[in-house]
Amino acid sequence: MQPEDKFIEYVDALVTCEIAMQMAFKYKEPVNKIVAATARRVSMRCADKQNRNVFLGLSQSEFPAALLYQFRTMFDEAIS
């Protein structure tokens, strides 16, 4: 897998989890539960082992929504 493919896969998984989080907010669902379930599903479709482990760890976190926010912050800092 090319480095750019790993990057694209990470961004796709990150945005998918963020969309799930926003939908949970909108429909007043338990945000952490939704983010954890989405991260678990996303991790299963990741071809890159590192990406898979990152999102599997997110799904097992005590506060997955907070960790997702941290991932987005680190990503934004890395690309700016």
C-alpha atoms as a PDB file:
ATOM      1  CA  MET A   1       0.000   0.000   0.000  1.00  0.00           C
ATOM      2  CA  GLN A   2       1.371   3.395  -1.013  1.00  0.00           C
ATOM      3  CA  PRO A   3       1.822   6.096   1.656  1.00  0.00           C
ATOM      4  CA  GLU A   4      -0.784   8.294  -0.029  1.00  0.00           C
ATOM      5  CA  ASP A   5      -3.284   5.425   0.057  1.00  0.00           C
ATOM      6  CA  LYS A   6      -2.718   5.046   3.809  1.00  0.00           C
ATOM      7  CA  PHE A   7      -3.294   8.772   4.234  1.00  0.00           C
ATOM      8  CA  ILE A   8      -6.501   8.693   2.172  1.00  0.00           C
ATOM      9  CA  GLU A   9      -7.743   5.699   4.154  1.00  0.00           C
ATOM     10  CA  TYR A  10      -7.028   7.492   7.453  1.00  0.00           C
ATOM     11  CA  VAL A  11      -8.846  10.651   6.354  1.00  0.00           C
ATOM     12  CA  ASP A  12     -11.814   8.616   5.120  1.00  0.00           C
ATOM     13  CA  ALA A  13     -12.085   6.753   8.425  1.00  0.00           C
ATOM     14  CA  LEU A  14     -11.668   9.957  10.438  1.00  0.00           C
ATOM     15  CA  VAL A  15     -14.378  11.799   8.508  1.00  0.00           C
ATOM     16  CA  THR A  16     -16.709   8.784   8.708  1.00  0.00           C
ATOM     17  CA  CYS A  17     -16.405   8.762  12.501  1.00  0.00           C
ATOM     18  CA  GLU A  18     -16.907  12.528  12.628  1.00  0.00           C
ATOM     19  CA  ILE A  19     -20.085  12.275  10.563  1.00  0.00           C
ATOM     20  CA  ALA A  20     -21.392   9.568  12.897  1.00  0.00           C
ATOM     21  CA  MET A  21     -20.599  11.802  15.875  1.00  0.00           C
ATOM     22  CA  GLN A  22     -22.458  14.768  14.367  1.00  0.00           C
ATOM     23  CA  MET A  23     -25.470  12.590  13.541  1.00  0.00           C
ATOM     24  CA  ALA A  24     -25.505  11.309  17.131  1.00  0.00           C
ATOM     25  CA  PHE A  25     -25.526  14.918  18.369  1.00  0.00           C
ATOM     26  CA  LYS A  26     -28.316  15.804  15.970  1.00  0.00           C
ATOM     27  CA  TYR A  27     -30.561  12.886  16.956  1.00  0.00           C
ATOM     28  CA  LYS A  28     -29.638  13.035  20.667  1.00  0.00           C
ATOM     29  CA  GLU A  29     -28.106   9.559  20.677  1.00  0.00           C
ATOM     30  CA  PRO A  30     -25.305   8.495  23.062  1.00  0.00           C
ATOM     31  CA  VAL A  31     -22.320  10.013  21.265  1.00  0.00           C
ATOM     32  CA  ASN A  32     -19.554   7.870  22.751  1.00  0.00           C
ATOM     33  CA  LYS A  33     -21.440   4.659  21.992  1.00  0.00           C
ATOM     34  CA  ILE A  34     -22.057   5.693  18.369  1.00  0.00           C
ATOM     35  CA  VAL A  35     -18.452   6.811  17.805  1.00  0.00           C
ATOM     36  CA  ALA A  36     -17.121   3.567  19.306  1.00  0.00           C
ATOM     37  CA  ALA A  37     -19.382   1.424  17.129  1.00  0.00           C
ATOM     38  CA  THR A  38     -18.497   3.388  14.002  1.00  0.00           C
ATOM     39  CA  ALA A  39     -14.770   3.231  14.748  1.00  0.00           C
ATOM     40  CA  ARG A  40     -15.040  -0.535  15.215  1.00  0.00           C
ATOM     41  CA  ARG A  41     -16.747  -0.924  11.830  1.00  0.00           C
ATOM     42  CA  VAL A  42     -14.301   1.440  10.128  1.00  0.00           C
ATOM     43  CA  SER A  43     -11.329  -0.432  11.599  1.00  0.00           C
ATOM     44  CA  MET A  44     -12.552  -3.660   9.999  1.00  0.00           C
ATOM     45  CA  ARG A  45     -12.490  -2.126   6.524  1.00  0.00           C
ATOM     46  CA  CYS A  46      -9.033  -0.529   6.877  1.00  0.00           C
ATOM     47  CA  ALA A  47      -6.464  -2.295   4.725  1.00  0.00           C
ATOM     48  CA  ASP A  48      -3.504  -0.675   6.484  1.00  0.00           C
ATOM     49  CA  LYS A  49      -2.646  -2.361   9.777  1.00  0.00           C
ATOM     50  CA  GLN A  50      -1.639   0.914  11.460  1.00  0.00           C
ATOM     51  CA  ASN A  51      -4.922   2.603  10.535  1.00  0.00           C
ATOM     52  CA  ARG A  52      -6.817  -0.489  11.664  1.00  0.00           C
ATOM     53  CA  ASN A  53      -5.112  -0.406  15.058  1.00  0.00           C
ATOM     54  CA  VAL A  54      -5.706   3.341  15.489  1.00  0.00           C
ATOM     55  CA  PHE A  55      -9.449   3.036  14.939  1.00  0.00           C
ATOM     56  CA  LEU A  56      -9.725  -0.194  16.900  1.00  0.00           C
ATOM     57  CA  GLY A  57      -8.062   1.640  19.796  1.00  0.00           C
ATOM     58  CA  LEU A  58     -10.525   4.487  19.334  1.00  0.00           C
ATOM     59  CA  SER A  59     -13.421   2.039  19.579  1.00  0.00           C
ATOM     60  CA  GLN A  60     -12.042   0.637  22.853  1.00  0.00           C
ATOM     61  CA  SER A  61     -11.377   4.035  24.426  1.00  0.00           C
ATOM     62  CA  GLU A  62     -13.248   5.160  27.515  1.00  0.00           C
ATOM     63  CA  PHE A  63     -14.156   8.456  25.796  1.00  0.00           C
ATOM     64  CA  PRO A  64     -14.091   7.810  22.032  1.00  0.00           C
ATOM     65  CA  ALA A  65     -15.639  11.170  21.089  1.00  0.00           C
ATOM     66  CA  ALA A  66     -12.923  13.081  22.965  1.00  0.00           C
ATOM     67  CA  LEU A  67     -10.209  10.947  21.391  1.00  0.00           C
ATOM     68  CA  LEU A  68     -11.738  11.504  17.947  1.00  0.00           C
ATOM     69  CA  TYR A  69     -11.640  15.253  18.562  1.00  0.00           C
ATOM     70  CA  GLN A  70      -7.972  14.907  19.535  1.00  0.00           C
ATOM     71  CA  PHE A  71      -7.244  12.952  16.332  1.00  0.00           C
ATOM     72  CA  ARG A  72      -8.820  15.762  14.290  1.00  0.00           C
ATOM     73  CA  THR A  73      -6.813  18.403  16.140  1.00  0.00           C
ATOM     74  CA  MET A  74      -3.536  16.524  15.579  1.00  0.00           C
ATOM     75  CA  PHE A  75      -4.426  15.999  11.924  1.00  0.00           C
ATOM     76  CA  ASP A  76      -5.189  19.676  11.394  1.00  0.00           C
ATOM     77  CA  GLU A  77      -1.916  20.686  13.072  1.00  0.00           C
ATOM     78  CA  ALA A  78       0.042  18.195  10.978  1.00  0.00           C
ATOM     79  CA  ILE A  79      -1.255  19.503   7.656  1.00  0.00           C
ATOM     80  CA  SER A  80      -1.000  23.199   8.480  1.00  0.00           C
END
